[in-house]
Amino acid sequence: MPGNDGGLLLPGYKVFKLINMEKISLLILAVAAIILVIYLWAVIDMNRRKFSSESERRNWINLVYFLPLLGAFYYLIRRNKRRKSI
């Protein structure tokens, strides 16, 4: 429901008026781009990396495929720990 100034009449509508929606859109776009880069980084790294067995490769691919964000973060964290221990 529009107000006199064209803003939305919500309980905290002054907050919405103070926050520029363009800035929120850019923030959401930036976060989405970062998530996409992390996901692609994990997928590319999985394809280049030599795994100890084919089942290990399949397990990682399934984890990243079915839980994209969580799986990619977990893969990259575990990958770095393995490199340090070798």
C-alpha atoms as a PDB file:
ATOM      1  CA  MET A   1       0.000   0.000   0.000  1.00  0.00           C
ATOM      2  CA  PRO A   2       1.773   3.172  -1.166  1.00  0.00           C
ATOM      3  CA  GLY A   3       2.257   6.085   1.182  1.00  0.00           C
ATOM      4  CA  ASN A   4       2.246   9.777   0.358  1.00  0.00           C
ATOM      5  CA  ASP A   5       5.870   9.693  -0.740  1.00  0.00           C
ATOM      6  CA  GLY A   6       5.488   6.546  -2.879  1.00  0.00           C
ATOM      7  CA  GLY A   7       7.122   4.276  -0.278  1.00  0.00           C
ATOM      8  CA  LEU A   8       5.581   1.129   1.127  1.00  0.00           C
ATOM      9  CA  LEU A   9       3.596   1.396   4.355  1.00  0.00           C
ATOM     10  CA  LEU A  10       5.186  -1.385   6.358  1.00  0.00           C
ATOM     11  CA  PRO A  11       5.811  -1.402  10.127  1.00  0.00           C
ATOM     12  CA  GLY A  12       9.438  -0.364   9.612  1.00  0.00           C
ATOM     13  CA  TYR A  13       9.029   1.350   6.282  1.00  0.00           C
ATOM     14  CA  LYS A  14      11.381   4.174   7.239  1.00  0.00           C
ATOM     15  CA  VAL A  15      14.176   1.621   7.311  1.00  0.00           C
ATOM     16  CA  PHE A  16      13.297   0.501   3.788  1.00  0.00           C
ATOM     17  CA  LYS A  17      13.257   4.114   2.689  1.00  0.00           C
ATOM     18  CA  LEU A  18      16.730   4.716   4.125  1.00  0.00           C
ATOM     19  CA  ILE A  19      18.259   1.625   2.519  1.00  0.00           C
ATOM     20  CA  ASN A  20      18.757   2.055  -1.169  1.00  0.00           C
ATOM     21  CA  MET A  21      17.318  -0.979  -2.949  1.00  0.00           C
ATOM     22  CA  GLU A  22      20.025  -0.722  -5.607  1.00  0.00           C
ATOM     23  CA  LYS A  23      22.666  -1.270  -2.921  1.00  0.00           C
ATOM     24  CA  ILE A  24      20.813  -4.321  -1.648  1.00  0.00           C
ATOM     25  CA  SER A  25      20.587  -5.698  -5.184  1.00  0.00           C
ATOM     26  CA  LEU A  26      24.317  -5.205  -5.693  1.00  0.00           C
ATOM     27  CA  LEU A  27      25.072  -6.859  -2.365  1.00  0.00           C
ATOM     28  CA  ILE A  28      22.936  -9.886  -3.252  1.00  0.00           C
ATOM     29  CA  LEU A  29      24.590 -10.071  -6.665  1.00  0.00           C
ATOM     30  CA  ALA A  30      28.066  -9.889  -5.106  1.00  0.00           C
ATOM     31  CA  VAL A  31      27.281 -12.648  -2.605  1.00  0.00           C
ATOM     32  CA  ALA A  32      25.835 -14.829  -5.371  1.00  0.00           C
ATOM     33  CA  ALA A  33      28.944 -14.253  -7.508  1.00  0.00           C
ATOM     34  CA  ILE A  34      31.225 -15.234  -4.609  1.00  0.00           C
ATOM     35  CA  ILE A  35      29.206 -18.407  -3.990  1.00  0.00           C
ATOM     36  CA  LEU A  36      29.349 -19.288  -7.690  1.00  0.00           C
ATOM     37  CA  VAL A  37      33.127 -18.755  -7.806  1.00  0.00           C
ATOM     38  CA  ILE A  38      33.645 -21.000  -4.755  1.00  0.00           C
ATOM     39  CA  TYR A  39      31.406 -23.690  -6.260  1.00  0.00           C
ATOM     40  CA  LEU A  40      33.178 -23.580  -9.628  1.00  0.00           C
ATOM     41  CA  TRP A  41      36.576 -23.601  -7.908  1.00  0.00           C
ATOM     42  CA  ALA A  42      35.645 -26.802  -6.070  1.00  0.00           C
ATOM     43  CA  VAL A  43      34.251 -28.474  -9.208  1.00  0.00           C
ATOM     44  CA  ILE A  44      37.320 -27.590 -11.312  1.00  0.00           C
ATOM     45  CA  ASP A  45      39.685 -28.688  -8.553  1.00  0.00           C
ATOM     46  CA  MET A  46      37.874 -32.029  -8.211  1.00  0.00           C
ATOM     47  CA  ASN A  47      38.277 -32.678 -11.929  1.00  0.00           C
ATOM     48  CA  ARG A  48      42.006 -31.869 -11.905  1.00  0.00           C
ATOM     49  CA  ARG A  49      42.909 -33.641  -8.679  1.00  0.00           C
ATOM     50  CA  LYS A  50      44.108 -37.223  -8.469  1.00  0.00           C
ATOM     51  CA  PHE A  51      42.055 -39.100  -5.882  1.00  0.00           C
ATOM     52  CA  SER A  52      43.227 -42.255  -4.142  1.00  0.00           C
ATOM     53  CA  SER A  53      40.235 -44.167  -5.527  1.00  0.00           C
ATOM     54  CA  GLU A  54      37.342 -43.719  -7.896  1.00  0.00           C
ATOM     55  CA  SER A  55      34.850 -44.112  -5.052  1.00  0.00           C
ATOM     56  CA  GLU A  56      36.450 -41.183  -3.213  1.00  0.00           C
ATOM     57  CA  ARG A  57      36.043 -39.046  -6.336  1.00  0.00           C
ATOM     58  CA  ARG A  58      32.388 -40.082  -6.679  1.00  0.00           C
ATOM     59  CA  ASN A  59      31.705 -39.318  -3.024  1.00  0.00           C
ATOM     60  CA  TRP A  60      33.108 -35.804  -3.333  1.00  0.00           C
ATOM     61  CA  ILE A  61      31.254 -35.147  -6.580  1.00  0.00           C
ATOM     62  CA  ASN A  62      27.987 -36.330  -5.014  1.00  0.00           C
ATOM     63  CA  LEU A  63      28.538 -34.163  -1.937  1.00  0.00           C
ATOM     64  CA  VAL A  64      29.201 -31.041  -3.993  1.00  0.00           C
ATOM     65  CA  TYR A  65      26.366 -31.840  -6.410  1.00  0.00           C
ATOM     66  CA  PHE A  66      23.668 -32.466  -3.793  1.00  0.00           C
ATOM     67  CA  LEU A  67      24.820 -29.824  -1.274  1.00  0.00           C
ATOM     68  CA  PRO A  68      26.435 -27.208  -3.516  1.00  0.00           C
ATOM     69  CA  LEU A  69      27.467 -24.503  -1.076  1.00  0.00           C
ATOM     70  CA  LEU A  70      28.103 -26.671   1.950  1.00  0.00           C
ATOM     71  CA  GLY A  71      29.801 -29.395  -0.083  1.00  0.00           C
ATOM     72  CA  ALA A  72      32.072 -26.958  -1.915  1.00  0.00           C
ATOM     73  CA  PHE A  73      33.192 -25.273   1.317  1.00  0.00           C
ATOM     74  CA  TYR A  74      33.794 -28.634   2.988  1.00  0.00           C
ATOM     75  CA  TYR A  75      35.729 -29.959  -0.006  1.00  0.00           C
ATOM     76  CA  LEU A  76      37.987 -26.915  -0.190  1.00  0.00           C
ATOM     77  CA  ILE A  77      38.652 -26.963   3.561  1.00  0.00           C
ATOM     78  CA  ARG A  78      39.451 -30.697   3.572  1.00  0.00           C
ATOM     79  CA  ARG A  79      41.589 -30.351   0.446  1.00  0.00           C
ATOM     80  CA  ASN A  80      43.768 -27.721   2.103  1.00  0.00           C
ATOM     81  CA  LYS A  81      44.174 -29.824   5.255  1.00  0.00           C
ATOM     82  CA  ARG A  82      45.312 -32.807   3.181  1.00  0.00           C
ATOM     83  CA  ARG A  83      47.892 -30.748   1.318  1.00  0.00           C
ATOM     84  CA  LYS A  84      49.410 -29.528   4.591  1.00  0.00           C
ATOM     85  CA  SER A  85      49.604 -33.044   6.039  1.00  0.00           C
ATOM     86  CA  ILE A  86      51.398 -34.515   3.005  1.00  0.00           C
END
